[in-house]
């Protein structure tokens, strides 16, 4: 059974940092491309960052220069380092694994940026 479990969310002040983790099990993690999405209240879920099997990353413009995605295949874990957080980054953050035509989602972790 495939499981993706996000962690690391929480409440942070504007300008602060958080590191999200997504631990995968039940899949050949090293072969999976991994994505981070977020969904704010009343808004559609949006793709924030992607990392390929080989570590190539892409980001939505709104987070470029502030967020960094990385992966540790030995730990079956993908990370999202979020710096210089803004109130508009407040959302539930989800990770998604892509393996061929299959997609797997985590349940999400809440990130709230507020003073």
N, C-alpha and C. Protein backbone atom coordinates (compact mmCIF):
# COMPACT_ATOMS: atom_id res chain seq x y z
N UNK A 1 0.85 -1.19 0.00
CA UNK A 1 0.00 0.00 0.00
C UNK A 1 0.89 1.25 0.00
N UNK A 2 0.59 2.14 -0.93
CA UNK A 2 1.38 3.35 -1.05
C UNK A 2 0.90 4.38 -0.04
N UNK A 3 1.85 4.99 0.65
CA UNK A 3 1.53 6.07 1.59
C UNK A 3 2.51 7.21 1.41
N UNK A 4 1.97 8.42 1.40
CA UNK A 4 2.76 9.64 1.43
C UNK A 4 2.30 10.42 2.65
N UNK A 5 3.23 10.74 3.52
CA UNK A 5 2.87 11.41 4.77
C UNK A 5 3.67 12.71 4.89
N UNK A 6 2.95 13.82 4.88
CA UNK A 6 3.59 15.12 5.03
C UNK A 6 3.72 15.48 6.50
N UNK A 7 4.74 16.26 6.80
CA UNK A 7 4.94 16.78 8.15
C UNK A 7 5.72 18.09 8.07
N UNK A 8 5.74 18.81 9.18
CA UNK A 8 6.54 20.02 9.25
C UNK A 8 5.77 21.31 9.15
N UNK A 9 4.47 21.21 8.94
CA UNK A 9 3.68 22.43 8.87
C UNK A 9 3.50 23.06 10.25
N UNK A 10 2.91 24.24 10.25
CA UNK A 10 2.68 24.92 11.51
C UNK A 10 2.41 26.39 11.31
N UNK A 11 2.47 27.11 12.42
CA UNK A 11 2.24 28.56 12.41
C UNK A 11 3.61 29.26 12.46
N UNK A 12 3.80 30.20 11.55
CA UNK A 12 5.06 30.93 11.49
C UNK A 12 4.77 32.39 11.19
N UNK A 13 5.62 33.26 11.66
CA UNK A 13 5.45 34.69 11.40
C UNK A 13 5.94 35.03 9.99
N UNK A 14 5.42 36.08 9.42
CA UNK A 14 5.93 36.53 8.11
C UNK A 14 7.44 36.73 8.16
N UNK A 15 8.09 36.26 7.10
CA UNK A 15 9.55 36.31 7.05
C UNK A 15 10.22 35.08 7.61
N UNK A 16 9.46 34.23 8.24
CA UNK A 16 10.01 33.03 8.84
C UNK A 16 10.20 31.89 7.85
N UNK A 17 10.63 30.76 8.38
CA UNK A 17 10.93 29.58 7.55
C UNK A 17 10.28 28.33 8.14
N UNK A 18 9.99 27.41 7.26
CA UNK A 18 9.55 26.07 7.62
C UNK A 18 10.16 25.08 6.63
N UNK A 19 10.35 23.87 7.08
CA UNK A 19 10.74 22.80 6.17
C UNK A 19 9.71 21.69 6.24
N UNK A 20 9.07 21.45 5.12
CA UNK A 20 8.12 20.36 5.02
C UNK A 20 8.84 19.09 4.57
N UNK A 21 8.34 17.98 5.05
CA UNK A 21 8.84 16.67 4.65
C UNK A 21 7.69 15.83 4.14
N UNK A 22 7.99 14.95 3.22
CA UNK A 22 7.00 14.00 2.72
C UNK A 22 7.69 12.64 2.64
N UNK A 23 7.29 11.75 3.52
CA UNK A 23 7.87 10.42 3.58
C UNK A 23 7.01 9.45 2.79
N UNK A 24 7.64 8.72 1.90
CA UNK A 24 6.92 7.80 1.03
C UNK A 24 7.22 6.35 1.42
N UNK A 25 6.21 5.52 1.26
CA UNK A 25 6.38 4.09 1.46
C UNK A 25 5.50 3.36 0.46
N UNK A 26 5.92 2.14 0.12
CA UNK A 26 5.11 1.33 -0.79
C UNK A 26 5.36 1.60 -2.25
N UNK A 27 6.30 2.50 -2.56
CA UNK A 27 6.65 2.75 -3.96
C UNK A 27 8.16 2.75 -4.10
N UNK A 28 8.62 2.59 -5.34
CA UNK A 28 10.04 2.72 -5.63
C UNK A 28 10.34 4.20 -5.74
N UNK A 29 10.67 4.78 -4.60
CA UNK A 29 10.73 6.24 -4.49
C UNK A 29 11.72 6.84 -5.48
N UNK A 30 12.85 6.19 -5.68
CA UNK A 30 13.89 6.76 -6.53
C UNK A 30 13.43 6.92 -7.98
N UNK A 31 12.39 6.21 -8.36
CA UNK A 31 11.87 6.30 -9.72
C UNK A 31 10.73 7.30 -9.86
N UNK A 32 10.29 7.85 -8.75
CA UNK A 32 9.12 8.72 -8.77
C UNK A 32 9.52 10.19 -8.89
N UNK A 33 8.78 10.91 -9.70
CA UNK A 33 8.85 12.37 -9.66
C UNK A 33 7.93 12.83 -8.53
N UNK A 34 8.34 13.88 -7.86
CA UNK A 34 7.57 14.33 -6.69
C UNK A 34 7.19 15.79 -6.85
N UNK A 35 5.97 16.09 -6.47
CA UNK A 35 5.45 17.44 -6.56
C UNK A 35 4.95 17.92 -5.21
N UNK A 36 5.02 19.23 -5.02
CA UNK A 36 4.37 19.88 -3.88
C UNK A 36 3.26 20.78 -4.43
N UNK A 37 2.07 20.61 -3.87
CA UNK A 37 0.92 21.45 -4.19
C UNK A 37 0.49 22.17 -2.92
N UNK A 38 -0.31 23.19 -3.12
CA UNK A 38 -0.94 23.84 -1.97
C UNK A 38 -2.34 24.29 -2.35
N UNK A 39 -3.18 24.37 -1.33
CA UNK A 39 -4.55 24.83 -1.54
C UNK A 39 -4.94 25.75 -0.39
N UNK A 40 -5.20 27.00 -0.76
CA UNK A 40 -5.65 27.98 0.22
C UNK A 40 -7.17 27.96 0.27
N UNK A 41 -7.77 28.41 1.37
CA UNK A 41 -9.23 28.42 1.48
C UNK A 41 -9.87 29.17 0.32
N UNK A 42 -10.84 28.54 -0.31
CA UNK A 42 -11.56 29.17 -1.40
C UNK A 42 -10.82 29.23 -2.71
N UNK A 43 -9.66 28.61 -2.78
CA UNK A 43 -8.87 28.64 -4.01
C UNK A 43 -8.61 27.23 -4.51
N UNK A 44 -8.26 27.16 -5.79
CA UNK A 44 -7.91 25.87 -6.37
C UNK A 44 -6.53 25.42 -5.90
N UNK A 45 -6.37 24.14 -5.92
CA UNK A 45 -5.06 23.58 -5.60
C UNK A 45 -4.08 23.96 -6.70
N UNK A 46 -2.88 24.41 -6.31
CA UNK A 46 -1.89 24.82 -7.29
C UNK A 46 -0.58 24.09 -7.08
N UNK A 47 0.09 23.84 -8.20
CA UNK A 47 1.40 23.22 -8.16
C UNK A 47 2.44 24.27 -7.75
N UNK A 48 3.21 23.94 -6.73
CA UNK A 48 4.19 24.87 -6.19
C UNK A 48 5.60 24.52 -6.64
N UNK A 49 5.93 23.23 -6.57
CA UNK A 49 7.30 22.81 -6.87
C UNK A 49 7.27 21.37 -7.36
N UNK A 50 8.22 21.06 -8.24
CA UNK A 50 8.39 19.69 -8.72
C UNK A 50 9.86 19.33 -8.67
N UNK A 51 10.11 18.05 -8.44
CA UNK A 51 11.49 17.56 -8.50
C UNK A 51 11.47 16.21 -9.21
N UNK A 52 12.33 16.09 -10.22
CA UNK A 52 12.37 14.87 -10.99
C UNK A 52 13.16 13.79 -10.26
N UNK A 53 13.20 12.60 -10.89
CA UNK A 53 13.97 11.50 -10.30
C UNK A 53 15.43 11.88 -10.12
N UNK A 54 15.93 12.69 -11.04
CA UNK A 54 17.35 13.05 -11.01
C UNK A 54 17.62 14.35 -10.26
N UNK A 55 16.58 14.94 -9.69
CA UNK A 55 16.78 16.11 -8.85
C UNK A 55 16.59 17.45 -9.53
N UNK A 56 16.15 17.44 -10.77
CA UNK A 56 15.85 18.72 -11.43
C UNK A 56 14.57 19.31 -10.84
N UNK A 57 14.61 20.59 -10.53
CA UNK A 57 13.48 21.23 -9.86
C UNK A 57 12.85 22.31 -10.73
N UNK A 58 11.58 22.54 -10.48
CA UNK A 58 10.83 23.64 -11.08
C UNK A 58 9.91 24.23 -10.03
N UNK A 59 9.66 25.54 -10.16
CA UNK A 59 8.85 26.24 -9.16
C UNK A 59 7.88 27.18 -9.83
N UNK A 60 6.76 27.38 -9.17
CA UNK A 60 5.85 28.43 -9.62
C UNK A 60 6.51 29.78 -9.35
N UNK A 61 6.21 30.76 -10.16
CA UNK A 61 6.90 32.05 -10.07
C UNK A 61 6.79 32.67 -8.68
N UNK A 62 5.67 32.49 -8.03
CA UNK A 62 5.43 33.17 -6.75
C UNK A 62 6.34 32.69 -5.63
N UNK A 63 6.99 31.54 -5.81
CA UNK A 63 7.87 31.01 -4.75
C UNK A 63 9.33 30.93 -5.17
N UNK A 64 9.62 31.26 -6.41
CA UNK A 64 11.00 31.19 -6.88
C UNK A 64 11.90 32.07 -6.03
N UNK A 65 13.03 31.52 -5.65
CA UNK A 65 13.98 32.26 -4.81
C UNK A 65 13.69 32.15 -3.33
N UNK A 66 12.53 31.62 -2.98
CA UNK A 66 12.16 31.47 -1.56
C UNK A 66 12.01 30.01 -1.14
N UNK A 67 11.52 29.17 -2.04
CA UNK A 67 11.29 27.76 -1.73
C UNK A 67 12.31 26.90 -2.47
N UNK A 68 12.71 25.82 -1.83
CA UNK A 68 13.63 24.87 -2.44
C UNK A 68 13.16 23.45 -2.16
N UNK A 69 13.02 22.68 -3.22
CA UNK A 69 12.65 21.28 -3.06
C UNK A 69 13.90 20.42 -3.21
N UNK A 70 13.98 19.38 -2.40
CA UNK A 70 15.09 18.44 -2.48
C UNK A 70 14.57 17.06 -2.13
N UNK A 71 15.39 16.06 -2.38
CA UNK A 71 14.98 14.70 -2.08
C UNK A 71 16.14 13.90 -1.55
N UNK A 72 15.81 12.94 -0.70
CA UNK A 72 16.79 12.00 -0.17
C UNK A 72 16.26 10.61 -0.49
N UNK A 73 16.77 10.01 -1.54
CA UNK A 73 16.25 8.71 -1.96
C UNK A 73 16.56 7.61 -0.94
N UNK A 74 17.60 7.78 -0.18
CA UNK A 74 17.93 6.78 0.85
C UNK A 74 16.89 6.78 1.96
N UNK A 75 16.23 7.92 2.15
CA UNK A 75 15.21 8.04 3.20
C UNK A 75 13.80 8.05 2.63
N UNK A 76 13.69 7.89 1.30
CA UNK A 76 12.37 7.92 0.65
C UNK A 76 11.59 9.17 1.04
N UNK A 77 12.28 10.29 1.04
CA UNK A 77 11.68 11.52 1.53
C UNK A 77 11.99 12.69 0.60
N UNK A 78 10.98 13.52 0.39
CA UNK A 78 11.16 14.76 -0.35
C UNK A 78 10.89 15.91 0.61
N UNK A 79 11.60 17.01 0.40
CA UNK A 79 11.51 18.15 1.30
C UNK A 79 11.12 19.41 0.53
N UNK A 80 10.52 20.32 1.26
CA UNK A 80 10.26 21.65 0.72
C UNK A 80 10.72 22.66 1.77
N UNK A 81 11.85 23.29 1.52
CA UNK A 81 12.34 24.33 2.40
C UNK A 81 11.70 25.65 1.99
N UNK A 82 11.02 26.28 2.92
CA UNK A 82 10.29 27.50 2.62
C UNK A 82 10.85 28.63 3.46
N UNK A 83 11.41 29.62 2.80
CA UNK A 83 12.00 30.79 3.47
C UNK A 83 11.21 32.04 3.10
N UNK A 84 11.44 33.09 3.88
CA UNK A 84 10.79 34.39 3.62
C UNK A 84 9.29 34.22 3.40
N UNK A 85 8.68 33.49 4.29
CA UNK A 85 7.26 33.18 4.13
C UNK A 85 6.39 34.42 4.23
N UNK A 86 5.33 34.40 3.45
CA UNK A 86 4.38 35.51 3.38
C UNK A 86 3.00 35.02 3.78
N UNK A 87 2.13 35.92 4.22
CA UNK A 87 0.77 35.50 4.56
C UNK A 87 0.07 34.77 3.41
N UNK A 88 0.36 35.16 2.19
CA UNK A 88 -0.28 34.50 1.04
C UNK A 88 0.24 33.09 0.79
N UNK A 89 1.24 32.66 1.54
CA UNK A 89 1.69 31.27 1.46
C UNK A 89 0.84 30.35 2.34
N UNK A 90 -0.05 30.93 3.11
CA UNK A 90 -0.92 30.14 3.98
C UNK A 90 -1.78 29.20 3.15
N UNK A 91 -1.71 27.92 3.47
CA UNK A 91 -2.44 26.90 2.70
C UNK A 91 -2.19 25.54 3.33
N UNK A 92 -2.94 24.57 2.86
CA UNK A 92 -2.60 23.18 3.12
C UNK A 92 -1.66 22.73 2.01
N UNK A 93 -0.54 22.17 2.40
CA UNK A 93 0.47 21.72 1.45
C UNK A 93 0.42 20.21 1.31
N UNK A 94 0.39 19.75 0.07
CA UNK A 94 0.30 18.33 -0.24
C UNK A 94 1.50 17.90 -1.08
N UNK A 95 1.93 16.68 -0.87
CA UNK A 95 2.90 16.13 -1.80
C UNK A 95 2.21 15.09 -2.67
N UNK A 96 2.74 14.94 -3.87
CA UNK A 96 2.22 13.99 -4.82
C UNK A 96 3.39 13.25 -5.46
N UNK A 97 3.25 11.95 -5.56
CA UNK A 97 4.24 11.14 -6.25
C UNK A 97 3.71 10.69 -7.59
N UNK A 98 4.53 10.77 -8.60
CA UNK A 98 4.16 10.34 -9.95
C UNK A 98 5.10 9.22 -10.38
N UNK A 99 4.50 8.10 -10.76
CA UNK A 99 5.28 6.95 -11.20
C UNK A 99 4.56 6.38 -12.41
N UNK A 100 5.11 6.63 -13.60
CA UNK A 100 4.41 6.25 -14.82
C UNK A 100 3.10 7.01 -14.90
N UNK A 101 2.01 6.27 -15.11
CA UNK A 101 0.68 6.88 -15.18
C UNK A 101 -0.01 6.96 -13.82
N UNK A 102 0.66 6.55 -12.79
CA UNK A 102 0.05 6.52 -11.46
C UNK A 102 0.43 7.76 -10.67
N UNK A 103 -0.51 8.21 -9.86
CA UNK A 103 -0.30 9.35 -8.99
C UNK A 103 -0.75 8.99 -7.58
N UNK A 104 0.00 9.48 -6.62
CA UNK A 104 -0.31 9.21 -5.22
C UNK A 104 -0.21 10.52 -4.45
N UNK A 105 -1.21 10.73 -3.59
CA UNK A 105 -1.29 11.98 -2.82
C UNK A 105 -1.17 11.72 -1.33
N UNK A 106 -0.56 12.67 -0.65
CA UNK A 106 -0.59 12.68 0.79
C UNK A 106 -1.83 13.40 1.28
N UNK A 107 -1.99 13.45 2.59
CA UNK A 107 -3.18 14.07 3.17
C UNK A 107 -2.99 15.56 3.45
N UNK A 108 -1.77 16.02 3.38
CA UNK A 108 -1.51 17.44 3.53
C UNK A 108 -1.08 17.85 4.93
N UNK A 109 -0.45 19.01 4.99
CA UNK A 109 -0.04 19.62 6.25
C UNK A 109 -0.32 21.11 6.17
N UNK A 110 -0.88 21.66 7.25
CA UNK A 110 -1.29 23.05 7.24
C UNK A 110 -0.10 23.96 7.51
N UNK A 111 0.03 24.99 6.69
CA UNK A 111 1.01 26.05 6.91
C UNK A 111 0.26 27.36 7.06
N UNK A 112 0.47 28.02 8.17
CA UNK A 112 -0.18 29.31 8.43
C UNK A 112 0.88 30.36 8.69
N UNK A 113 0.85 31.42 7.89
CA UNK A 113 1.82 32.51 8.04
C UNK A 113 1.06 33.72 8.54
N UNK A 114 1.30 34.07 9.78
CA UNK A 114 0.55 35.15 10.40
C UNK A 114 1.32 35.72 11.57
N UNK A 115 1.12 37.00 11.79
CA UNK A 115 1.74 37.64 12.96
C UNK A 115 0.77 37.65 14.13
